[in-house]
Amino acid sequence: MFKPMEESNLVTMIDDETILLKLSKEFYEKEAVFASAHKFNKKCSVEIKPIEEKYVGIYLRLKDKKALSDIAKDLYDGIIDHQLRRDLEKEFGAIRELIVRHAFFPVSNLQNEIQSNTK
């Protein structure tokens, strides 16, 4: 399961308009990072690239005057949300599929299955 980096290693101010969010590739999948980062294109220029062997860097450059730290926090929260969803899907996806299958099971088949189980 996922384990975030310590907060002090996570965010670095590059200058007044640029911030770096440094994430471990071990805990965050590319899909979770991209799914969250694309939401910030209107607020920031977003650049995602490897930095060191085990880390990915997300550079956010302001387009407007909103506090950069708020944007970085929103992005990090989104990445955590997407990663948790991916982890839960991997662990419990089969159960969810079973529930959905039974929820849309034809009523006639369901009645036959109930009758078979009560005999």
PDB file of N, CA and C in Angstrom:
ATOM      1  N   MET A   1       0.840  -1.179   0.000  1.00  0.00           N
ATOM      2  CA  MET A   1       0.000   0.000   0.000  1.00  0.00           C
ATOM      3  C   MET A   1       0.880   1.236   0.000  1.00  0.00           C
ATOM      4  N   PHE A   2       0.303   2.392  -0.140  1.00  0.00           N
ATOM      5  CA  PHE A   2       1.054   3.606  -0.337  1.00  0.00           C
ATOM      6  C   PHE A   2       1.492   4.246   0.975  1.00  0.00           C
ATOM      7  N   LYS A   3       2.639   4.906   0.940  1.00  0.00           N
ATOM      8  CA  LYS A   3       3.178   5.580   2.117  1.00  0.00           C
ATOM      9  C   LYS A   3       3.804   6.892   1.647  1.00  0.00           C
ATOM     10  N   PRO A   4       3.205   8.040   2.011  1.00  0.00           N
ATOM     11  CA  PRO A   4       3.742   9.316   1.527  1.00  0.00           C
ATOM     12  C   PRO A   4       5.093   9.656   2.138  1.00  0.00           C
ATOM     13  N   MET A   5       5.812  10.513   1.435  1.00  0.00           N
ATOM     14  CA  MET A   5       7.089  11.001   1.952  1.00  0.00           C
ATOM     15  C   MET A   5       6.823  11.964   3.099  1.00  0.00           C
ATOM     16  N   GLU A   6       7.835  12.202   3.889  1.00  0.00           N
ATOM     17  CA  GLU A   6       7.693  13.189   4.944  1.00  0.00           C
ATOM     18  C   GLU A   6       7.472  14.550   4.314  1.00  0.00           C
ATOM     19  N   GLU A   7       6.630  15.356   4.945  1.00  0.00           N
ATOM     20  CA  GLU A   7       6.231  16.665   4.422  1.00  0.00           C
ATOM     21  C   GLU A   7       7.427  17.570   4.132  1.00  0.00           C
ATOM     22  N   SER A   8       8.455  17.545   4.958  1.00  0.00           N
ATOM     23  CA  SER A   8       9.591  18.445   4.781  1.00  0.00           C
ATOM     24  C   SER A   8      10.357  18.172   3.490  1.00  0.00           C
ATOM     25  N   ASN A   9      10.312  16.965   2.966  1.00  0.00           N
ATOM     26  CA  ASN A   9      11.018  16.614   1.731  1.00  0.00           C
ATOM     27  C   ASN A   9      10.147  16.783   0.494  1.00  0.00           C
ATOM     28  N   LEU A  10       8.911  17.131   0.681  1.00  0.00           N
ATOM     29  CA  LEU A  10       7.939  17.107  -0.392  1.00  0.00           C
ATOM     30  C   LEU A  10       7.958  18.347  -1.282  1.00  0.00           C
ATOM     31  N   VAL A  11       8.003  19.535  -0.705  1.00  0.00           N
ATOM     32  CA  VAL A  11       7.843  20.782  -1.454  1.00  0.00           C
ATOM     33  C   VAL A  11       9.085  21.652  -1.328  1.00  0.00           C
ATOM     34  N   THR A  12       9.549  22.177  -2.468  1.00  0.00           N
ATOM     35  CA  THR A  12      10.683  23.100  -2.497  1.00  0.00           C
ATOM     36  C   THR A  12      10.291  24.329  -3.300  1.00  0.00           C
ATOM     37  N   MET A  13      10.473  25.501  -2.733  1.00  0.00           N
ATOM     38  CA  MET A  13      10.243  26.751  -3.469  1.00  0.00           C
ATOM     39  C   MET A  13      11.456  27.002  -4.352  1.00  0.00           C
ATOM     40  N   ILE A  14      11.236  27.085  -5.653  1.00  0.00           N
ATOM     41  CA  ILE A  14      12.325  27.361  -6.591  1.00  0.00           C
ATOM     42  C   ILE A  14      12.542  28.872  -6.687  1.00  0.00           C
ATOM     43  N   ASP A  15      11.461  29.619  -6.852  1.00  0.00           N
ATOM     44  CA  ASP A  15      11.466  31.078  -6.837  1.00  0.00           C
ATOM     45  C   ASP A  15      10.061  31.540  -6.463  1.00  0.00           C
ATOM     46  N   ASP A  16       9.765  32.835  -6.624  1.00  0.00           N
ATOM     47  CA  ASP A  16       8.456  33.368  -6.205  1.00  0.00           C
ATOM     48  C   ASP A  16       7.289  32.816  -7.015  1.00  0.00           C
ATOM     49  N   GLU A  17       7.560  32.266  -8.178  1.00  0.00           N
ATOM     50  CA  GLU A  17       6.486  31.779  -9.043  1.00  0.00           C
ATOM     51  C   GLU A  17       6.555  30.284  -9.333  1.00  0.00           C
ATOM     52  N   THR A  18       7.552  29.600  -8.809  1.00  0.00           N
ATOM     53  CA  THR A  18       7.748  28.186  -9.134  1.00  0.00           C
ATOM     54  C   THR A  18       7.963  27.369  -7.872  1.00  0.00           C
ATOM     55  N   ILE A  19       7.308  26.227  -7.852  1.00  0.00           N
ATOM     56  CA  ILE A  19       7.446  25.305  -6.727  1.00  0.00           C
ATOM     57  C   ILE A  19       7.682  23.904  -7.291  1.00  0.00           C
ATOM     58  N   LEU A  20       8.429  23.087  -6.564  1.00  0.00           N
ATOM     59  CA  LEU A  20       8.709  21.707  -6.961  1.00  0.00           C
ATOM     60  C   LEU A  20       8.076  20.775  -5.948  1.00  0.00           C
ATOM     61  N   LEU A  21       7.264  19.870  -6.432  1.00  0.00           N
ATOM     62  CA  LEU A  21       6.688  18.800  -5.613  1.00  0.00           C
ATOM     63  C   LEU A  21       7.468  17.537  -5.970  1.00  0.00           C
ATOM     64  N   LYS A  22       8.193  16.974  -5.004  1.00  0.00           N
ATOM     65  CA  LYS A  22       9.061  15.808  -5.230  1.00  0.00           C
ATOM     66  C   LYS A  22       8.387  14.572  -4.655  1.00  0.00           C
ATOM     67  N   LEU A  23       8.113  13.582  -5.515  1.00  0.00           N
ATOM     68  CA  LEU A  23       7.400  12.376  -5.098  1.00  0.00           C
ATOM     69  C   LEU A  23       8.210  11.123  -5.397  1.00  0.00           C
ATOM     70  N   SER A  24       8.112  10.164  -4.507  1.00  0.00           N
ATOM     71  CA  SER A  24       8.796   8.891  -4.676  1.00  0.00           C
ATOM     72  C   SER A  24       8.064   8.037  -5.708  1.00  0.00           C
ATOM     73  N   LYS A  25       8.791   7.518  -6.680  1.00  0.00           N
ATOM     74  CA  LYS A  25       8.206   6.617  -7.677  1.00  0.00           C
ATOM     75  C   LYS A  25       7.757   5.305  -7.041  1.00  0.00           C
ATOM     76  N   GLU A  26       8.309   4.996  -5.880  1.00  0.00           N
ATOM     77  CA  GLU A  26       7.961   3.760  -5.178  1.00  0.00           C
ATOM     78  C   GLU A  26       6.516   3.790  -4.681  1.00  0.00           C
ATOM     79  N   PHE A  27       6.013   4.962  -4.326  1.00  0.00           N
ATOM     80  CA  PHE A  27       4.694   5.068  -3.720  1.00  0.00           C
ATOM     81  C   PHE A  27       3.631   5.655  -4.640  1.00  0.00           C
ATOM     82  N   TYR A  28       4.023   6.402  -5.671  1.00  0.00           N
ATOM     83  CA  TYR A  28       3.065   7.079  -6.532  1.00  0.00           C
ATOM     84  C   TYR A  28       3.222   6.607  -7.966  1.00  0.00           C
ATOM     85  N   GLU A  29       2.146   6.107  -8.538  1.00  0.00           N
ATOM     86  CA  GLU A  29       2.170   5.637  -9.906  1.00  0.00           C
ATOM     87  C   GLU A  29       1.996   6.814 -10.865  1.00  0.00           C
ATOM     88  N   LYS A  30       2.536   6.654 -12.044  1.00  0.00           N
ATOM     89  CA  LYS A  30       2.480   7.689 -13.076  1.00  0.00           C
ATOM     90  C   LYS A  30       1.043   8.125 -13.340  1.00  0.00           C
ATOM     91  N   GLU A  31       0.119   7.174 -13.397  1.00  0.00           N
ATOM     92  CA  GLU A  31      -1.277   7.485 -13.703  1.00  0.00           C
ATOM     93  C   GLU A  31      -1.900   8.372 -12.640  1.00  0.00           C
ATOM     94  N   ALA A  32      -1.587   8.135 -11.365  1.00  0.00           N
ATOM     95  CA  ALA A  32      -2.125   8.953 -10.277  1.00  0.00           C
ATOM     96  C   ALA A  32      -1.581  10.377 -10.356  1.00  0.00           C
ATOM     97  N   VAL A  33      -0.310  10.508 -10.669  1.00  0.00           N
ATOM     98  CA  VAL A  33       0.311  11.828 -10.777  1.00  0.00           C
ATOM     99  C   VAL A  33      -0.296  12.609 -11.947  1.00  0.00           C
ATOM    100  N   PHE A  34      -0.390  11.983 -13.118  1.00  0.00           N
ATOM    101  CA  PHE A  34      -0.921  12.670 -14.290  1.00  0.00           C
ATOM    102  C   PHE A  34      -2.403  12.992 -14.144  1.00  0.00           C
ATOM    103  N   ALA A  35      -3.170  12.083 -13.539  1.00  0.00           N
ATOM    104  CA  ALA A  35      -4.603  12.318 -13.354  1.00  0.00           C
ATOM    105  C   ALA A  35      -4.851  13.533 -12.477  1.00  0.00           C
ATOM    106  N   SER A  36      -3.991  13.759 -11.507  1.00  0.00           N
ATOM    107  CA  SER A  36      -4.147  14.919 -10.632  1.00  0.00           C
ATOM    108  C   SER A  36      -3.538  16.181 -11.237  1.00  0.00           C
ATOM    109  N   ALA A  37      -2.384  16.052 -11.856  1.00  0.00           N
ATOM    110  CA  ALA A  37      -1.655  17.216 -12.360  1.00  0.00           C
ATOM    111  C   ALA A  37      -2.396  17.937 -13.485  1.00  0.00           C
ATOM    112  N   HIS A  38      -3.108  17.193 -14.319  1.00  0.00           N
ATOM    113  CA  HIS A  38      -3.757  17.851 -15.460  1.00  0.00           C
ATOM    114  C   HIS A  38      -4.812  18.854 -15.021  1.00  0.00           C
ATOM    115  N   LYS A  39      -5.345  18.716 -13.822  1.00  0.00           N
ATOM    116  CA  LYS A  39      -6.368  19.627 -13.310  1.00  0.00           C
ATOM    117  C   LYS A  39      -5.815  21.015 -13.005  1.00  0.00           C
ATOM    118  N   PHE A  40      -4.500  21.152 -12.984  1.00  0.00           N
ATOM    119  CA  PHE A  40      -3.882  22.413 -12.601  1.00  0.00           C
ATOM    120  C   PHE A  40      -3.357  23.214 -13.798  1.00  0.00           C
ATOM    121  N   ASN A  41      -3.627  22.761 -15.010  1.00  0.00           N
ATOM    122  CA  ASN A  41      -3.136  23.457 -16.203  1.00  0.00           C
ATOM    123  C   ASN A  41      -3.668  24.877 -16.339  1.00  0.00           C
ATOM    124  N   LYS A  42      -4.855  25.151 -15.822  1.00  0.00           N
ATOM    125  CA  LYS A  42      -5.411  26.509 -15.914  1.00  0.00           C
ATOM    126  C   LYS A  42      -4.749  27.451 -14.919  1.00  0.00           C
ATOM    127  N   LYS A  43      -4.321  26.925 -13.784  1.00  0.00           N
ATOM    128  CA  LYS A  43      -3.720  27.745 -12.736  1.00  0.00           C
ATOM    129  C   LYS A  43      -2.212  27.880 -12.895  1.00  0.00           C
ATOM    130  N   CYS A  44      -1.581  26.828 -13.427  1.00  0.00           N
ATOM    131  CA  CYS A  44      -0.117  26.760 -13.478  1.00  0.00           C
ATOM    132  C   CYS A  44       0.348  26.126 -14.782  1.00  0.00           C
ATOM    133  N   SER A  45       1.592  26.409 -15.105  1.00  0.00           N
ATOM    134  CA  SER A  45       2.282  25.594 -16.090  1.00  0.00           C
ATOM    135  C   SER A  45       2.797  24.387 -15.316  1.00  0.00           C
ATOM    136  N   VAL A  46       2.513  23.200 -15.809  1.00  0.00           N
ATOM    137  CA  VAL A  46       2.884  21.976 -15.094  1.00  0.00           C
ATOM    138  C   VAL A  46       3.915  21.219 -15.917  1.00  0.00           C
ATOM    139  N   GLU A  47       5.032  20.899 -15.280  1.00  0.00           N
ATOM    140  CA  GLU A  47       6.068  20.100 -15.931  1.00  0.00           C
ATOM    141  C   GLU A  47       6.380  18.915 -15.021  1.00  0.00           C
ATOM    142  N   ILE A  48       6.287  17.715 -15.571  1.00  0.00           N
ATOM    143  CA  ILE A  48       6.550  16.506 -14.803  1.00  0.00           C
ATOM    144  C   ILE A  48       7.751  15.811 -15.424  1.00  0.00           C
ATOM    145  N   LYS A  49       8.762  15.539 -14.606  1.00  0.00           N
ATOM    146  CA  LYS A  49       9.946  14.861 -15.136  1.00  0.00           C
ATOM    147  C   LYS A  49      10.694  14.154 -14.020  1.00  0.00           C
ATOM    148  N   PRO A  50      11.459  13.119 -14.381  1.00  0.00           N
ATOM    149  CA  PRO A  50      12.245  12.406 -13.376  1.00  0.00           C
ATOM    150  C   PRO A  50      13.304  13.326 -12.778  1.00  0.00           C
ATOM    151  N   ILE A  51      13.489  13.213 -11.477  1.00  0.00           N
ATOM    152  CA  ILE A  51      14.590  13.922 -10.799  1.00  0.00           C
ATOM    153  C   ILE A  51      15.224  12.914  -9.854  1.00  0.00           C
ATOM    154  N   GLU A  52      16.370  12.503 -10.121  1.00  0.00           N
ATOM    155  CA  GLU A  52      17.040  11.423  -9.406  1.00  0.00           C
ATOM    156  C   GLU A  52      16.384  10.107  -9.838  1.00  0.00           C
ATOM    157  N   GLU A  53      16.999   9.012  -9.473  1.00  0.00           N
ATOM    158  CA  GLU A  53      16.539   7.705  -9.939  1.00  0.00           C
ATOM    159  C   GLU A  53      15.179   7.312  -9.371  1.00  0.00           C
ATOM    160  N   LYS A  54      14.923   7.631  -8.117  1.00  0.00           N
ATOM    161  CA  LYS A  54      13.726   7.144  -7.445  1.00  0.00           C
ATOM    162  C   LYS A  54      12.627   8.185  -7.282  1.00  0.00           C
ATOM    163  N   TYR A  55      12.783   9.355  -7.898  1.00  0.00           N
ATOM    164  CA  TYR A  55      11.819  10.430  -7.684  1.00  0.00           C
ATOM    165  C   TYR A  55      11.337  11.035  -8.997  1.00  0.00           C
ATOM    166  N   VAL A  56      10.120  11.560  -8.934  1.00  0.00           N
ATOM    167  CA  VAL A  56       9.582  12.346 -10.028  1.00  0.00           C
ATOM    168  C   VAL A  56       9.331  13.745  -9.479  1.00  0.00           C
ATOM    169  N   GLY A  57       9.613  14.740 -10.312  1.00  0.00           N
ATOM    170  CA  GLY A  57       9.397  16.122  -9.907  1.00  0.00           C
ATOM    171  C   GLY A  57       8.236  16.726 -10.673  1.00  0.00           C
ATOM    172  N   ILE A  58       7.392  17.439  -9.962  1.00  0.00           N
ATOM    173  CA  ILE A  58       6.301  18.177 -10.594  1.00  0.00           C
ATOM    174  C   ILE A  58       6.587  19.646 -10.338  1.00  0.00           C
ATOM    175  N   TYR A  59       6.912  20.373 -11.406  1.00  0.00           N
ATOM    176  CA  TYR A  59       7.196  21.792 -11.312  1.00  0.00           C
ATOM    177  C   TYR A  59       5.918  22.554 -11.640  1.00  0.00           C
ATOM    178  N   LEU A  60       5.523  23.425 -10.732  1.00  0.00           N
ATOM    179  CA  LEU A  60       4.338  24.253 -10.925  1.00  0.00           C
ATOM    180  C   LEU A  60       4.780  25.708 -11.033  1.00  0.00           C
ATOM    181  N   ARG A  61       4.433  26.360 -12.148  1.00  0.00           N
ATOM    182  CA  ARG A  61       4.752  27.775 -12.346  1.00  0.00           C
ATOM    183  C   ARG A  61       3.444  28.539 -12.428  1.00  0.00           C
ATOM    184  N   LEU A  62       3.311  29.536 -11.568  1.00  0.00           N
ATOM    185  CA  LEU A  62       2.069  30.292 -11.469  1.00  0.00           C
ATOM    186  C   LEU A  62       1.655  30.969 -12.768  1.00  0.00           C
ATOM    187  N   LYS A  63       0.353  30.921 -13.053  1.00  0.00           N
ATOM    188  CA  LYS A  63      -0.226  31.703 -14.133  1.00  0.00           C
ATOM    189  C   LYS A  63      -1.026  32.873 -13.561  1.00  0.00           C
ATOM    190  N   ASP A  64      -1.505  32.702 -12.318  1.00  0.00           N
ATOM    191  CA  ASP A  64      -2.258  33.770 -11.663  1.00  0.00           C
ATOM    192  C   ASP A  64      -1.659  34.032 -10.286  1.00  0.00           C
ATOM    193  N   LYS A  65      -2.356  34.786  -9.455  1.00  0.00           N
ATOM    194  CA  LYS A  65      -1.785  35.213  -8.176  1.00  0.00           C
ATOM    195  C   LYS A  65      -2.161  34.336  -6.983  1.00  0.00           C
ATOM    196  N   LYS A  66      -2.834  33.204  -7.197  1.00  0.00           N
ATOM    197  CA  LYS A  66      -3.179  32.330  -6.081  1.00  0.00           C
ATOM    198  C   LYS A  66      -1.901  31.810  -5.433  1.00  0.00           C
ATOM    199  N   ALA A  67      -1.933  31.672  -4.127  1.00  0.00           N
ATOM    200  CA  ALA A  67      -0.750  31.206  -3.394  1.00  0.00           C
ATOM    201  C   ALA A  67      -0.281  29.864  -3.933  1.00  0.00           C
ATOM    202  N   LEU A  68       0.963  29.794  -4.285  1.00  0.00           N
ATOM    203  CA  LEU A  68       1.549  28.593  -4.864  1.00  0.00           C
ATOM    204  C   LEU A  68       1.492  27.415  -3.890  1.00  0.00           C
ATOM    205  N   SER A  69       1.651  27.690  -2.617  1.00  0.00           N
ATOM    206  CA  SER A  69       1.594  26.601  -1.634  1.00  0.00           C
ATOM    207  C   SER A  69       0.204  25.974  -1.587  1.00  0.00           C
ATOM    208  N   ASP A  70      -0.863  26.768  -1.787  1.00  0.00           N
ATOM    209  CA  ASP A  70      -2.227  26.222  -1.836  1.00  0.00           C
ATOM    210  C   ASP A  70      -2.396  25.299  -3.037  1.00  0.00           C
ATOM    211  N   ILE A  71      -1.841  25.702  -4.162  1.00  0.00           N
ATOM    212  CA  ILE A  71      -1.923  24.884  -5.372  1.00  0.00           C
ATOM    213  C   ILE A  71      -1.170  23.570  -5.170  1.00  0.00           C
ATOM    214  N   ALA A  72       0.028  23.636  -4.591  1.00  0.00           N
ATOM    215  CA  ALA A  72       0.808  22.425  -4.342  1.00  0.00           C
ATOM    216  C   ALA A  72       0.067  21.491  -3.390  1.00  0.00           C
ATOM    217  N   LYS A  73      -0.562  22.044  -2.364  1.00  0.00           N
ATOM    218  CA  LYS A  73      -1.326  21.225  -1.420  1.00  0.00           C
ATOM    219  C   LYS A  73      -2.511  20.559  -2.125  1.00  0.00           C
ATOM    220  N   ASP A  74      -3.227  21.325  -2.953  1.00  0.00           N
ATOM    221  CA  ASP A  74      -4.356  20.758  -3.692  1.00  0.00           C
ATOM    222  C   ASP A  74      -3.894  19.631  -4.621  1.00  0.00           C
ATOM    223  N   LEU A  75      -2.761  19.830  -5.281  1.00  0.00           N
ATOM    224  CA  LEU A  75      -2.219  18.813  -6.171  1.00  0.00           C
ATOM    225  C   LEU A  75      -1.838  17.554  -5.381  1.00  0.00           C
ATOM    226  N   TYR A  76      -1.146  17.732  -4.290  1.00  0.00           N
ATOM    227  CA  TYR A  76      -0.729  16.593  -3.469  1.00  0.00           C
ATOM    228  C   TYR A  76      -1.943  15.826  -2.952  1.00  0.00           C
ATOM    229  N   ASP A  77      -2.964  16.548  -2.491  1.00  0.00           N
ATOM    230  CA  ASP A  77      -4.196  15.895  -2.037  1.00  0.00           C
ATOM    231  C   ASP A  77      -4.829  15.083  -3.163  1.00  0.00           C
ATOM    232  N   GLY A  78      -4.825  15.630  -4.369  1.00  0.00           N
ATOM    233  CA  GLY A  78      -5.384  14.916  -5.522  1.00  0.00           C
ATOM    234  C   GLY A  78      -4.599  13.658  -5.856  1.00  0.00           C
ATOM    235  N   ILE A  79      -3.289  13.750  -5.783  1.00  0.00           N
ATOM    236  CA  ILE A  79      -2.439  12.585  -6.073  1.00  0.00           C
ATOM    237  C   ILE A  79      -2.681  11.487  -5.033  1.00  0.00           C
ATOM    238  N   ILE A  80      -2.751  11.871  -3.779  1.00  0.00           N
ATOM    239  CA  ILE A  80      -3.036  10.882  -2.732  1.00  0.00           C
ATOM    240  C   ILE A  80      -4.384  10.220  -3.003  1.00  0.00           C
ATOM    241  N   ASP A  81      -5.401  11.015  -3.341  1.00  0.00           N
ATOM    242  CA  ASP A  81      -6.732  10.477  -3.628  1.00  0.00           C
ATOM    243  C   ASP A  81      -6.685   9.474  -4.780  1.00  0.00           C
ATOM    244  N   HIS A  82      -6.037   9.849  -5.887  1.00  0.00           N
ATOM    245  CA  HIS A  82      -5.953   8.948  -7.038  1.00  0.00           C
ATOM    246  C   HIS A  82      -5.165   7.681  -6.719  1.00  0.00           C
ATOM    247  N   GLN A  83      -4.076   7.825  -5.955  1.00  0.00           N
ATOM    248  CA  GLN A  83      -3.275   6.650  -5.622  1.00  0.00           C
ATOM    249  C   GLN A  83      -4.062   5.703  -4.718  1.00  0.00           C
ATOM    250  N   LEU A  84      -4.776   6.244  -3.739  1.00  0.00           N
ATOM    251  CA  LEU A  84      -5.591   5.391  -2.867  1.00  0.00           C
ATOM    252  C   LEU A  84      -6.670   4.666  -3.662  1.00  0.00           C
ATOM    253  N   ARG A  85      -7.298   5.368  -4.601  1.00  0.00           N
ATOM    254  CA  ARG A  85      -8.304   4.724  -5.445  1.00  0.00           C
ATOM    255  C   ARG A  85      -7.704   3.567  -6.240  1.00  0.00           C
ATOM    256  N   ARG A  86      -6.504   3.779  -6.799  1.00  0.00           N
ATOM    257  CA  ARG A  86      -5.837   2.731  -7.567  1.00  0.00           C
ATOM    258  C   ARG A  86      -5.489   1.546  -6.664  1.00  0.00           C
ATOM    259  N   ASP A  87      -4.987   1.824  -5.467  1.00  0.00           N
ATOM    260  CA  ASP A  87      -4.642   0.751  -4.531  1.00  0.00           C
ATOM    261  C   ASP A  87      -5.885  -0.035  -4.120  1.00  0.00           C
ATOM    262  N   LEU A  88      -6.976   0.662  -3.835  1.00  0.00           N
ATOM    263  CA  LEU A  88      -8.221  -0.014  -3.449  1.00  0.00           C
ATOM    264  C   LEU A  88      -8.783  -0.840  -4.597  1.00  0.00           C
ATOM    265  N   GLU A  89      -8.688  -0.315  -5.810  1.00  0.00           N
ATOM    266  CA  GLU A  89      -9.168  -1.060  -6.980  1.00  0.00           C
ATOM    267  C   GLU A  89      -8.383  -2.361  -7.143  1.00  0.00           C
ATOM    268  N   LYS A  90      -7.076  -2.285  -6.955  1.00  0.00           N
ATOM    269  CA  LYS A  90      -6.251  -3.495  -7.065  1.00  0.00           C
ATOM    270  C   LYS A  90      -6.623  -4.522  -6.003  1.00  0.00           C
ATOM    271  N   GLU A  91      -6.881  -4.029  -4.794  1.00  0.00           N
ATOM    272  CA  GLU A  91      -7.145  -4.938  -3.680  1.00  0.00           C
ATOM    273  C   GLU A  91      -8.581  -5.461  -3.657  1.00  0.00           C
ATOM    274  N   PHE A  92      -9.550  -4.590  -3.997  1.00  0.00           N
ATOM    275  CA  PHE A  92     -10.951  -4.967  -3.843  1.00  0.00           C
ATOM    276  C   PHE A  92     -11.741  -4.924  -5.141  1.00  0.00           C
ATOM    277  N   GLY A  93     -11.079  -4.771  -6.269  1.00  0.00           N
ATOM    278  CA  GLY A  93     -11.760  -4.674  -7.556  1.00  0.00           C
ATOM    279  C   GLY A  93     -12.632  -5.880  -7.864  1.00  0.00           C
ATOM    280  N   ALA A  94     -12.181  -7.055  -7.524  1.00  0.00           N
ATOM    281  CA  ALA A  94     -12.950  -8.273  -7.802  1.00  0.00           C
ATOM    282  C   ALA A  94     -14.252  -8.285  -7.011  1.00  0.00           C
ATOM    283  N   ILE A  95     -14.213  -7.803  -5.787  1.00  0.00           N
ATOM    284  CA  ILE A  95     -15.428  -7.744  -4.968  1.00  0.00           C
ATOM    285  C   ILE A  95     -16.413  -6.761  -5.574  1.00  0.00           C
ATOM    286  N   ARG A  96     -15.918  -5.590  -5.996  1.00  0.00           N
ATOM    287  CA  ARG A  96     -16.784  -4.581  -6.617  1.00  0.00           C
ATOM    288  C   ARG A  96     -17.441  -5.137  -7.876  1.00  0.00           C
ATOM    289  N   GLU A  97     -16.664  -5.837  -8.699  1.00  0.00           N
ATOM    290  CA  GLU A  97     -17.212  -6.430  -9.917  1.00  0.00           C
ATOM    291  C   GLU A  97     -18.299  -7.447  -9.599  1.00  0.00           C
ATOM    292  N   LEU A  98     -18.097  -8.244  -8.567  1.00  0.00           N
ATOM    293  CA  LEU A  98     -19.095  -9.223  -8.146  1.00  0.00           C
ATOM    294  C   LEU A  98     -20.383  -8.535  -7.700  1.00  0.00           C
ATOM    295  N   ILE A  99     -20.266  -7.472  -6.931  1.00  0.00           N
ATOM    296  CA  ILE A  99     -21.444  -6.725  -6.476  1.00  0.00           C
ATOM    297  C   ILE A  99     -22.185  -6.129  -7.659  1.00  0.00           C
ATOM    298  N   VAL A 100     -21.465  -5.519  -8.588  1.00  0.00           N
ATOM    299  CA  VAL A 100     -22.100  -4.924  -9.769  1.00  0.00           C
ATOM    300  C   VAL A 100     -22.779  -6.000 -10.608  1.00  0.00           C
ATOM    301  N   ARG A 101     -22.112  -7.129 -10.787  1.00  0.00           N
ATOM    302  CA  ARG A 101     -22.694  -8.214 -11.576  1.00  0.00           C
ATOM    303  C   ARG A 101     -24.010  -8.688 -10.955  1.00  0.00           C
ATOM    304  N   HIS A 102     -24.038  -8.853  -9.656  1.00  0.00           N
ATOM    305  CA  HIS A 102     -25.257  -9.296  -8.979  1.00  0.00           C
ATOM    306  C   HIS A 102     -26.314  -8.197  -8.951  1.00  0.00           C
ATOM    307  N   ALA A 103     -25.904  -6.944  -8.920  1.00  0.00           N
ATOM    308  CA  ALA A 103     -26.871  -5.840  -8.921  1.00  0.00           C
ATOM    309  C   ALA A 103     -27.634  -5.785 -10.242  1.00  0.00           C
ATOM    310  N   PHE A 104     -26.991  -6.184 -11.325  1.00  0.00           N
ATOM    311  CA  PHE A 104     -27.626  -6.143 -12.646  1.00  0.00           C
ATOM    312  C   PHE A 104     -27.963  -7.535 -13.167  1.00  0.00           C
ATOM    313  N   PHE A 105     -27.953  -8.503 -12.293  1.00  0.00           N
ATOM    314  CA  PHE A 105     -28.307  -9.874 -12.625  1.00  0.00           C
ATOM    315  C   PHE A 105     -29.774  -9.917 -13.051  1.00  0.00           C
ATOM    316  N   PRO A 106     -30.116 -10.565 -14.161  1.00  0.00           N
ATOM    317  CA  PRO A 106     -31.526 -10.631 -14.571  1.00  0.00           C
ATOM    318  C   PRO A 106     -32.384 -11.252 -13.467  1.00  0.00           C
ATOM    319  N   VAL A 107     -33.553 -10.672 -13.245  1.00  0.00           N
ATOM    320  CA  VAL A 107     -34.443 -11.103 -12.165  1.00  0.00           C
ATOM    321  C   VAL A 107     -34.824 -12.570 -12.313  1.00  0.00           C
ATOM    322  N   SER A 108     -35.097 -13.025 -13.527  1.00  0.00           N
ATOM    323  CA  SER A 108     -35.483 -14.430 -13.721  1.00  0.00           C
ATOM    324  C   SER A 108     -34.358 -15.368 -13.275  1.00  0.00           C
ATOM    325  N   ASN A 109     -33.104 -15.023 -13.589  1.00  0.00           N
ATOM    326  CA  ASN A 109     -31.966 -15.841 -13.155  1.00  0.00           C
ATOM    327  C   ASN A 109     -31.802 -15.784 -11.642  1.00  0.00           C
ATOM    328  N   LEU A 110     -32.070 -14.626 -11.071  1.00  0.00           N
ATOM    329  CA  LEU A 110     -31.956 -14.469  -9.631  1.00  0.00           C
ATOM    330  C   LEU A 110     -32.975 -15.343  -8.906  1.00  0.00           C
ATOM    331  N   GLN A 111     -34.203 -15.388  -9.435  1.00  0.00           N
ATOM    332  CA  GLN A 111     -35.232 -16.233  -8.828  1.00  0.00           C
ATOM    333  C   GLN A 111     -34.833 -17.708  -8.900  1.00  0.00           C
ATOM    334  N   ASN A 112     -34.279 -18.140 -10.026  1.00  0.00           N
ATOM    335  CA  ASN A 112     -33.804 -19.520 -10.172  1.00  0.00           C
ATOM    336  C   ASN A 112     -32.679 -19.815  -9.185  1.00  0.00           C
ATOM    337  N   GLU A 113     -31.765 -18.846  -9.020  1.00  0.00           N
ATOM    338  CA  GLU A 113     -30.647 -19.035  -8.102  1.00  0.00           C
ATOM    339  C   GLU A 113     -31.152 -19.130  -6.661  1.00  0.00           C
ATOM    340  N   ILE A 114     -32.137 -18.328  -6.289  1.00  0.00           N
ATOM    341  CA  ILE A 114     -32.701 -18.364  -4.941  1.00  0.00           C
ATOM    342  C   ILE A 114     -33.383 -19.714  -4.711  1.00  0.00           C
ATOM    343  N   GLN A 115     -34.136 -20.165  -5.683  1.00  0.00           N
ATOM    344  CA  GLN A 115     -34.819 -21.450  -5.550  1.00  0.00           C
ATOM    345  C   GLN A 115     -33.804 -22.594  -5.425  1.00  0.00           C
ATOM    346  N   SER A 116     -32.730 -22.543  -6.165  1.00  0.00           N
ATOM    347  CA  SER A 116     -31.692 -23.573  -6.095  1.00  0.00           C
ATOM    348  C   SER A 116     -31.024 -23.594  -4.719  1.00  0.00           C
ATOM    349  N   ASN A 117     -30.837 -22.433  -4.134  1.00  0.00           N
ATOM    350  CA  ASN A 117     -30.170 -22.345  -2.831  1.00  0.00           C
ATOM    351  C   ASN A 117     -31.089 -22.729  -1.675  1.00  0.00           C
ATOM    352  N   THR A 118     -32.414 -22.688  -1.874  1.00  0.00           N
ATOM    353  CA  THR A 118     -33.333 -23.015  -0.781  1.00  0.00           C
ATOM    354  C   THR A 118     -33.701 -24.486  -0.769  1.00  0.00           C
ATOM    355  N   LYS A 119     -33.277 -25.247  -1.730  1.00  0.00           N
ATOM    356  CA  LYS A 119     -33.610 -26.683  -1.788  1.00  0.00           C
ATOM    357  C   LYS A 119     -32.703 -27.488  -0.921  1.00  0.00           C
TER     358      LYS A 119
END
